[in-house]
Amino acid sequence: VATLSLWFVRPLAVRHLQPPGERFGVEALVGRAAYVVSEVSAQGGRVRIGGEEWTARAYDETLVIAPGTTVDVMEISGSTALVYPRE
């Protein structure tokens, strides 16, 4: 009975002990600010996110974002950040 209780109860207890809003890996980059290194458009570009340089595309395909602009990371698709300029 003790073994079966651990088998079923432990996963529930671990799930409740973890902080709810904590994100890891590339999920943690979504919502962060980035700095445009080279022009970003629907075809591509480069941004710096927290000291790392990433390939990027504009979240809105009609936008062309100039170097030096601060943008928000809206989504990470593979190794490409989809970004949108800050207001």
C-alpha atoms as a PDB file:
ATOM      1  CA  VAL A   1       0.000   0.000   0.000  1.00  0.00           C
ATOM      2  CA  ALA A   2       2.841   2.421   0.838  1.00  0.00           C
ATOM      3  CA  THR A   3       4.516   1.803  -2.510  1.00  0.00           C
ATOM      4  CA  LEU A   4       1.289   2.349  -4.402  1.00  0.00           C
ATOM      5  CA  SER A   5       0.625   5.558  -2.452  1.00  0.00           C
ATOM      6  CA  LEU A   6       4.059   6.904  -3.384  1.00  0.00           C
ATOM      7  CA  TRP A   7       3.464   5.922  -7.005  1.00  0.00           C
ATOM      8  CA  PHE A   8       0.272   8.000  -7.245  1.00  0.00           C
ATOM      9  CA  VAL A   9       0.658  10.722  -4.609  1.00  0.00           C
ATOM     10  CA  ARG A  10       4.262  11.793  -5.247  1.00  0.00           C
ATOM     11  CA  PRO A  11       3.655  13.215  -8.770  1.00  0.00           C
ATOM     12  CA  LEU A  12       0.738  15.266  -7.451  1.00  0.00           C
ATOM     13  CA  ALA A  13       2.798  16.595  -4.536  1.00  0.00           C
ATOM     14  CA  VAL A  14       5.750  17.513  -6.787  1.00  0.00           C
ATOM     15  CA  ARG A  15       3.450  19.332  -9.208  1.00  0.00           C
ATOM     16  CA  HIS A  16       2.002  21.438  -6.370  1.00  0.00           C
ATOM     17  CA  LEU A  17       5.416  22.304  -4.925  1.00  0.00           C
ATOM     18  CA  GLN A  18       6.814  23.813  -8.151  1.00  0.00           C
ATOM     19  CA  PRO A  19       6.412  27.589  -8.600  1.00  0.00           C
ATOM     20  CA  PRO A  20       3.548  28.130 -11.080  1.00  0.00           C
ATOM     21  CA  GLY A  21       4.961  30.802 -13.407  1.00  0.00           C
ATOM     22  CA  GLU A  22       8.506  29.538 -13.817  1.00  0.00           C
ATOM     23  CA  ARG A  23       9.570  28.979 -17.453  1.00  0.00           C
ATOM     24  CA  PHE A  24      12.758  27.348 -18.697  1.00  0.00           C
ATOM     25  CA  GLY A  25      14.765  27.222 -21.913  1.00  0.00           C
ATOM     26  CA  VAL A  26      13.515  29.151 -24.922  1.00  0.00           C
ATOM     27  CA  GLU A  27      10.104  29.606 -23.280  1.00  0.00           C
ATOM     28  CA  ALA A  28      11.799  31.973 -20.824  1.00  0.00           C
ATOM     29  CA  LEU A  29      12.789  34.275 -23.721  1.00  0.00           C
ATOM     30  CA  VAL A  30       9.197  34.957 -24.814  1.00  0.00           C
ATOM     31  CA  GLY A  31       8.156  38.403 -23.588  1.00  0.00           C
ATOM     32  CA  ARG A  32      11.721  39.663 -23.109  1.00  0.00           C
ATOM     33  CA  ALA A  33      13.186  42.722 -24.771  1.00  0.00           C
ATOM     34  CA  ALA A  34      15.675  42.355 -27.621  1.00  0.00           C
ATOM     35  CA  TYR A  35      17.947  44.760 -29.505  1.00  0.00           C
ATOM     36  CA  VAL A  36      17.974  44.669 -33.325  1.00  0.00           C
ATOM     37  CA  VAL A  37      21.527  44.113 -34.610  1.00  0.00           C
ATOM     38  CA  SER A  38      20.733  43.930 -38.346  1.00  0.00           C
ATOM     39  CA  GLU A  39      17.515  44.868 -40.146  1.00  0.00           C
ATOM     40  CA  VAL A  40      14.659  42.482 -39.367  1.00  0.00           C
ATOM     41  CA  SER A  41      11.949  41.738 -41.918  1.00  0.00           C
ATOM     42  CA  ALA A  42       9.754  38.790 -42.895  1.00  0.00           C
ATOM     43  CA  GLN A  43      12.803  37.245 -44.598  1.00  0.00           C
ATOM     44  CA  GLY A  44      15.123  37.487 -41.587  1.00  0.00           C
ATOM     45  CA  GLY A  45      17.543  39.533 -39.522  1.00  0.00           C
ATOM     46  CA  ARG A  46      19.523  39.397 -36.261  1.00  0.00           C
ATOM     47  CA  VAL A  47      18.674  40.435 -32.691  1.00  0.00           C
ATOM     48  CA  ARG A  48      20.511  40.318 -29.351  1.00  0.00           C
ATOM     49  CA  ILE A  49      18.546  38.745 -26.498  1.00  0.00           C
ATOM     50  CA  GLY A  50      20.257  38.851 -23.102  1.00  0.00           C
ATOM     51  CA  GLY A  51      23.772  38.758 -24.517  1.00  0.00           C
ATOM     52  CA  GLU A  52      23.100  36.105 -27.173  1.00  0.00           C
ATOM     53  CA  GLU A  53      22.622  36.822 -30.862  1.00  0.00           C
ATOM     54  CA  TRP A  54      19.602  35.157 -32.493  1.00  0.00           C
ATOM     55  CA  THR A  55      18.205  34.990 -35.997  1.00  0.00           C
ATOM     56  CA  ALA A  56      14.910  36.838 -36.126  1.00  0.00           C
ATOM     57  CA  ARG A  57      11.874  37.539 -38.286  1.00  0.00           C
ATOM     58  CA  ALA A  58       9.237  40.214 -37.923  1.00  0.00           C
ATOM     59  CA  TYR A  59       6.078  38.929 -36.200  1.00  0.00           C
ATOM     60  CA  ASP A  60       4.065  41.130 -38.578  1.00  0.00           C
ATOM     61  CA  GLU A  61       5.272  40.173 -42.061  1.00  0.00           C
ATOM     62  CA  THR A  62       4.667  43.694 -43.423  1.00  0.00           C
ATOM     63  CA  LEU A  63       7.139  45.333 -41.012  1.00  0.00           C
ATOM     64  CA  VAL A  64      10.796  46.165 -41.598  1.00  0.00           C
ATOM     65  CA  ILE A  65      12.552  46.924 -38.302  1.00  0.00           C
ATOM     66  CA  ALA A  66      15.675  49.092 -38.389  1.00  0.00           C
ATOM     67  CA  PRO A  67      18.915  48.284 -36.507  1.00  0.00           C
ATOM     68  CA  GLY A  68      19.073  49.804 -33.035  1.00  0.00           C
ATOM     69  CA  THR A  69      15.343  49.340 -32.365  1.00  0.00           C
ATOM     70  CA  THR A  70      14.161  47.680 -29.157  1.00  0.00           C
ATOM     71  CA  VAL A  71      11.688  44.881 -29.831  1.00  0.00           C
ATOM     72  CA  ASP A  72       9.701  42.353 -27.813  1.00  0.00           C
ATOM     73  CA  VAL A  73      10.109  38.624 -28.412  1.00  0.00           C
ATOM     74  CA  MET A  74       6.634  37.364 -29.255  1.00  0.00           C
ATOM     75  CA  GLU A  75       7.463  33.734 -30.042  1.00  0.00           C
ATOM     76  CA  ILE A  76      10.383  31.365 -30.598  1.00  0.00           C
ATOM     77  CA  SER A  77      10.078  29.110 -33.638  1.00  0.00           C
ATOM     78  CA  GLY A  78      12.959  26.639 -33.770  1.00  0.00           C
ATOM     79  CA  SER A  79      16.040  28.839 -33.489  1.00  0.00           C
ATOM     80  CA  THR A  80      14.331  31.980 -34.809  1.00  0.00           C
ATOM     81  CA  ALA A  81      12.819  34.703 -32.638  1.00  0.00           C
ATOM     82  CA  LEU A  82       9.639  36.342 -33.920  1.00  0.00           C
ATOM     83  CA  VAL A  83       9.784  39.970 -32.782  1.00  0.00           C
ATOM     84  CA  TYR A  84       7.579  43.060 -32.749  1.00  0.00           C
ATOM     85  CA  PRO A  85       8.769  46.651 -32.147  1.00  0.00           C
ATOM     86  CA  ARG A  86       8.062  48.290 -28.801  1.00  0.00           C
ATOM     87  CA  GLU A  87       5.827  51.332 -28.771  1.00  0.00           C
END
